[in-house]
Amino acid sequence: MKYRKLPVVIEATQWFKNGDHPLDEAFITIPGSDSPGTTVKCEGALVRYYRLPNHNKGRMPLRCQHCMQIMQNHGWIDTLEGGHIVCPGDVIITGVKGEHYPCKPDIFSATYEPA
């Protein structure tokens, strides 16, 4: 049998660096600090920093097998299926149940069109 995807409208945002997704906050205010409005950079609430494994210390930077950029430029997102690496340029999709997951730009453009 053949099946066709149901037409569903989704939210999507292209991700390039930590903190640029609308659900992420790139800066937080430090409560009780000496100067009011003091901010510190933190990781996003949705796409977090990709953390390098300890065994790579002192070696050449680890590169992504998908995009060949260094892993420090990547993010990490928790999905319903488990955690996934987010490459710069990936599209973060909000699914029909409010879940989030990354999608490669070429697959996104082949699957979705503006609503």
C-alpha atoms as a PDB file:
ATOM      1  CA  MET A   1       0.000   0.000   0.000  1.00  0.00           C
ATOM      2  CA  LYS A   2       1.013   3.605  -0.513  1.00  0.00           C
ATOM      3  CA  TYR A   3       0.401   6.392   1.970  1.00  0.00           C
ATOM      4  CA  ARG A   4       0.422  10.162   1.799  1.00  0.00           C
ATOM      5  CA  LYS A   5       1.373  12.411   4.717  1.00  0.00           C
ATOM      6  CA  LEU A   6      -1.557  14.276   6.195  1.00  0.00           C
ATOM      7  CA  PRO A   7      -1.306  18.024   5.679  1.00  0.00           C
ATOM      8  CA  VAL A   8      -0.143  19.335   9.037  1.00  0.00           C
ATOM      9  CA  VAL A   9       1.066  22.864   9.772  1.00  0.00           C
ATOM     10  CA  ILE A  10       4.241  22.898  11.883  1.00  0.00           C
ATOM     11  CA  GLU A  11       6.481  25.557  13.395  1.00  0.00           C
ATOM     12  CA  ALA A  12      10.120  25.496  12.296  1.00  0.00           C
ATOM     13  CA  THR A  13      13.203  27.648  12.880  1.00  0.00           C
ATOM     14  CA  GLN A  14      16.603  27.263  11.234  1.00  0.00           C
ATOM     15  CA  TRP A  15      19.367  26.929  13.843  1.00  0.00           C
ATOM     16  CA  PHE A  16      22.885  28.305  13.357  1.00  0.00           C
ATOM     17  CA  LYS A  17      24.306  28.793  16.863  1.00  0.00           C
ATOM     18  CA  ASN A  18      23.445  28.408  20.495  1.00  0.00           C
ATOM     19  CA  GLY A  19      20.760  30.784  21.677  1.00  0.00           C
ATOM     20  CA  ASP A  20      19.236  31.702  18.304  1.00  0.00           C
ATOM     21  CA  HIS A  21      16.078  29.564  18.578  1.00  0.00           C
ATOM     22  CA  PRO A  22      13.098  31.614  19.826  1.00  0.00           C
ATOM     23  CA  LEU A  23      12.549  29.181  22.737  1.00  0.00           C
ATOM     24  CA  ASP A  24      16.183  29.538  23.866  1.00  0.00           C
ATOM     25  CA  GLU A  25      17.412  32.315  26.066  1.00  0.00           C
ATOM     26  CA  ALA A  26      21.001  33.290  25.295  1.00  0.00           C
ATOM     27  CA  PHE A  27      21.391  35.405  28.418  1.00  0.00           C
ATOM     28  CA  ILE A  28      20.079  35.187  31.950  1.00  0.00           C
ATOM     29  CA  THR A  29      20.114  37.746  34.742  1.00  0.00           C
ATOM     30  CA  ILE A  30      22.146  36.760  37.775  1.00  0.00           C
ATOM     31  CA  PRO A  31      19.857  37.135  40.798  1.00  0.00           C
ATOM     32  CA  GLY A  32      21.361  39.030  43.736  1.00  0.00           C
ATOM     33  CA  SER A  33      24.399  40.272  41.789  1.00  0.00           C
ATOM     34  CA  ASP A  34      26.148  43.497  42.804  1.00  0.00           C
ATOM     35  CA  SER A  35      25.084  45.442  39.705  1.00  0.00           C
ATOM     36  CA  PRO A  36      21.460  45.319  38.537  1.00  0.00           C
ATOM     37  CA  GLY A  37      20.891  43.798  35.115  1.00  0.00           C
ATOM     38  CA  THR A  38      24.113  41.772  35.129  1.00  0.00           C
ATOM     39  CA  THR A  39      23.863  39.042  32.510  1.00  0.00           C
ATOM     40  CA  VAL A  40      25.809  35.912  31.797  1.00  0.00           C
ATOM     41  CA  LYS A  41      25.778  33.785  28.671  1.00  0.00           C
ATOM     42  CA  CYS A  42      24.140  30.401  29.193  1.00  0.00           C
ATOM     43  CA  GLU A  43      23.059  27.526  27.018  1.00  0.00           C
ATOM     44  CA  GLY A  44      19.647  27.467  25.435  1.00  0.00           C
ATOM     45  CA  ALA A  45      16.624  25.912  27.062  1.00  0.00           C
ATOM     46  CA  LEU A  46      15.792  23.915  23.911  1.00  0.00           C
ATOM     47  CA  VAL A  47      19.082  23.446  22.021  1.00  0.00           C
ATOM     48  CA  ARG A  48      21.913  22.943  24.486  1.00  0.00           C
ATOM     49  CA  TYR A  49      25.661  23.011  23.927  1.00  0.00           C
ATOM     50  CA  TYR A  50      27.177  19.907  22.388  1.00  0.00           C
ATOM     51  CA  ARG A  51      29.695  18.646  24.921  1.00  0.00           C
ATOM     52  CA  LEU A  52      32.871  17.031  23.641  1.00  0.00           C
ATOM     53  CA  PRO A  53      33.855  13.660  25.018  1.00  0.00           C
ATOM     54  CA  ASN A  54      36.766  13.806  27.482  1.00  0.00           C
ATOM     55  CA  HIS A  55      38.875  11.389  25.444  1.00  0.00           C
ATOM     56  CA  ASN A  56      39.430  14.061  22.760  1.00  0.00           C
ATOM     57  CA  LYS A  57      41.423  16.457  24.995  1.00  0.00           C
ATOM     58  CA  GLY A  58      44.626  17.703  23.409  1.00  0.00           C
ATOM     59  CA  ARG A  59      43.845  16.225  20.011  1.00  0.00           C
ATOM     60  CA  MET A  60      42.616  17.720  16.763  1.00  0.00           C
ATOM     61  CA  PRO A  61      39.048  19.072  17.048  1.00  0.00           C
ATOM     62  CA  LEU A  62      36.409  16.413  16.550  1.00  0.00           C
ATOM     63  CA  ARG A  63      34.430  16.926  13.309  1.00  0.00           C
ATOM     64  CA  CYS A  64      30.811  16.039  12.565  1.00  0.00           C
ATOM     65  CA  GLN A  65      30.284  13.097  10.229  1.00  0.00           C
ATOM     66  CA  HIS A  66      27.312  14.901   8.595  1.00  0.00           C
ATOM     67  CA  CYS A  67      28.596  18.435   7.928  1.00  0.00           C
ATOM     68  CA  MET A  68      32.352  18.186   8.697  1.00  0.00           C
ATOM     69  CA  GLN A  69      32.269  21.273  10.961  1.00  0.00           C
ATOM     70  CA  ILE A  70      33.927  21.070  14.367  1.00  0.00           C
ATOM     71  CA  MET A  71      31.637  19.708  17.061  1.00  0.00           C
ATOM     72  CA  GLN A  72      31.992  22.841  19.221  1.00  0.00           C
ATOM     73  CA  ASN A  73      29.728  24.572  16.636  1.00  0.00           C
ATOM     74  CA  HIS A  74      26.956  22.056  17.246  1.00  0.00           C
ATOM     75  CA  GLY A  75      24.012  21.787  19.592  1.00  0.00           C
ATOM     76  CA  TRP A  76      22.210  18.963  21.330  1.00  0.00           C
ATOM     77  CA  ILE A  77      18.445  18.533  21.546  1.00  0.00           C
ATOM     78  CA  ASP A  78      16.363  16.034  23.479  1.00  0.00           C
ATOM     79  CA  THR A  79      13.656  14.417  21.333  1.00  0.00           C
ATOM     80  CA  LEU A  80      11.013  11.776  21.990  1.00  0.00           C
ATOM     81  CA  GLU A  81      13.442   9.208  20.537  1.00  0.00           C
ATOM     82  CA  GLY A  82      16.420  10.390  22.613  1.00  0.00           C
ATOM     83  CA  GLY A  83      19.099  13.037  22.159  1.00  0.00           C
ATOM     84  CA  HIS A  84      20.240  14.284  18.747  1.00  0.00           C
ATOM     85  CA  ILE A  85      23.111  16.417  17.492  1.00  0.00           C
ATOM     86  CA  VAL A  86      22.048  19.692  15.844  1.00  0.00           C
ATOM     87  CA  CYS A  87      24.317  20.887  13.011  1.00  0.00           C
ATOM     88  CA  PRO A  88      24.509  24.575  12.117  1.00  0.00           C
ATOM     89  CA  GLY A  89      21.823  25.148   9.469  1.00  0.00           C
ATOM     90  CA  ASP A  90      19.533  22.350  10.668  1.00  0.00           C
ATOM     91  CA  VAL A  91      15.869  23.226  11.018  1.00  0.00           C
ATOM     92  CA  ILE A  92      14.299  22.707  14.447  1.00  0.00           C
ATOM     93  CA  ILE A  93      10.747  21.455  13.952  1.00  0.00           C
ATOM     94  CA  THR A  94       8.000  21.652  16.553  1.00  0.00           C
ATOM     95  CA  GLY A  95       5.835  18.580  16.017  1.00  0.00           C
ATOM     96  CA  VAL A  96       2.091  18.143  16.390  1.00  0.00           C
ATOM     97  CA  LYS A  97       2.433  17.174  20.077  1.00  0.00           C
ATOM     98  CA  GLY A  98       4.784  20.066  20.895  1.00  0.00           C
ATOM     99  CA  GLU A  99       7.914  17.914  20.605  1.00  0.00           C
ATOM    100  CA  HIS A 100      11.076  19.299  18.972  1.00  0.00           C
ATOM    101  CA  TYR A 101      13.515  17.620  16.638  1.00  0.00           C
ATOM    102  CA  PRO A 102      16.189  18.626  14.097  1.00  0.00           C
ATOM    103  CA  CYS A 103      15.851  18.147  10.344  1.00  0.00           C
ATOM    104  CA  LYS A 104      18.489  18.590   7.635  1.00  0.00           C
ATOM    105  CA  PRO A 105      17.720  21.599   5.377  1.00  0.00           C
ATOM    106  CA  ASP A 106      17.511  19.552   2.157  1.00  0.00           C
ATOM    107  CA  ILE A 107      15.046  17.072   3.695  1.00  0.00           C
ATOM    108  CA  PHE A 108      13.057  19.935   5.183  1.00  0.00           C
ATOM    109  CA  SER A 109      12.715  21.729   1.834  1.00  0.00           C
ATOM    110  CA  ALA A 110      11.727  18.452   0.100  1.00  0.00           C
ATOM    111  CA  THR A 111       9.088  17.696   2.743  1.00  0.00           C
ATOM    112  CA  TYR A 112       7.606  21.059   3.737  1.00  0.00           C
ATOM    113  CA  GLU A 113       6.407  24.227   2.030  1.00  0.00           C
ATOM    114  CA  PRO A 114       5.367  27.574   3.585  1.00  0.00           C
ATOM    115  CA  ALA A 115       1.783  27.567   4.880  1.00  0.00           C
END
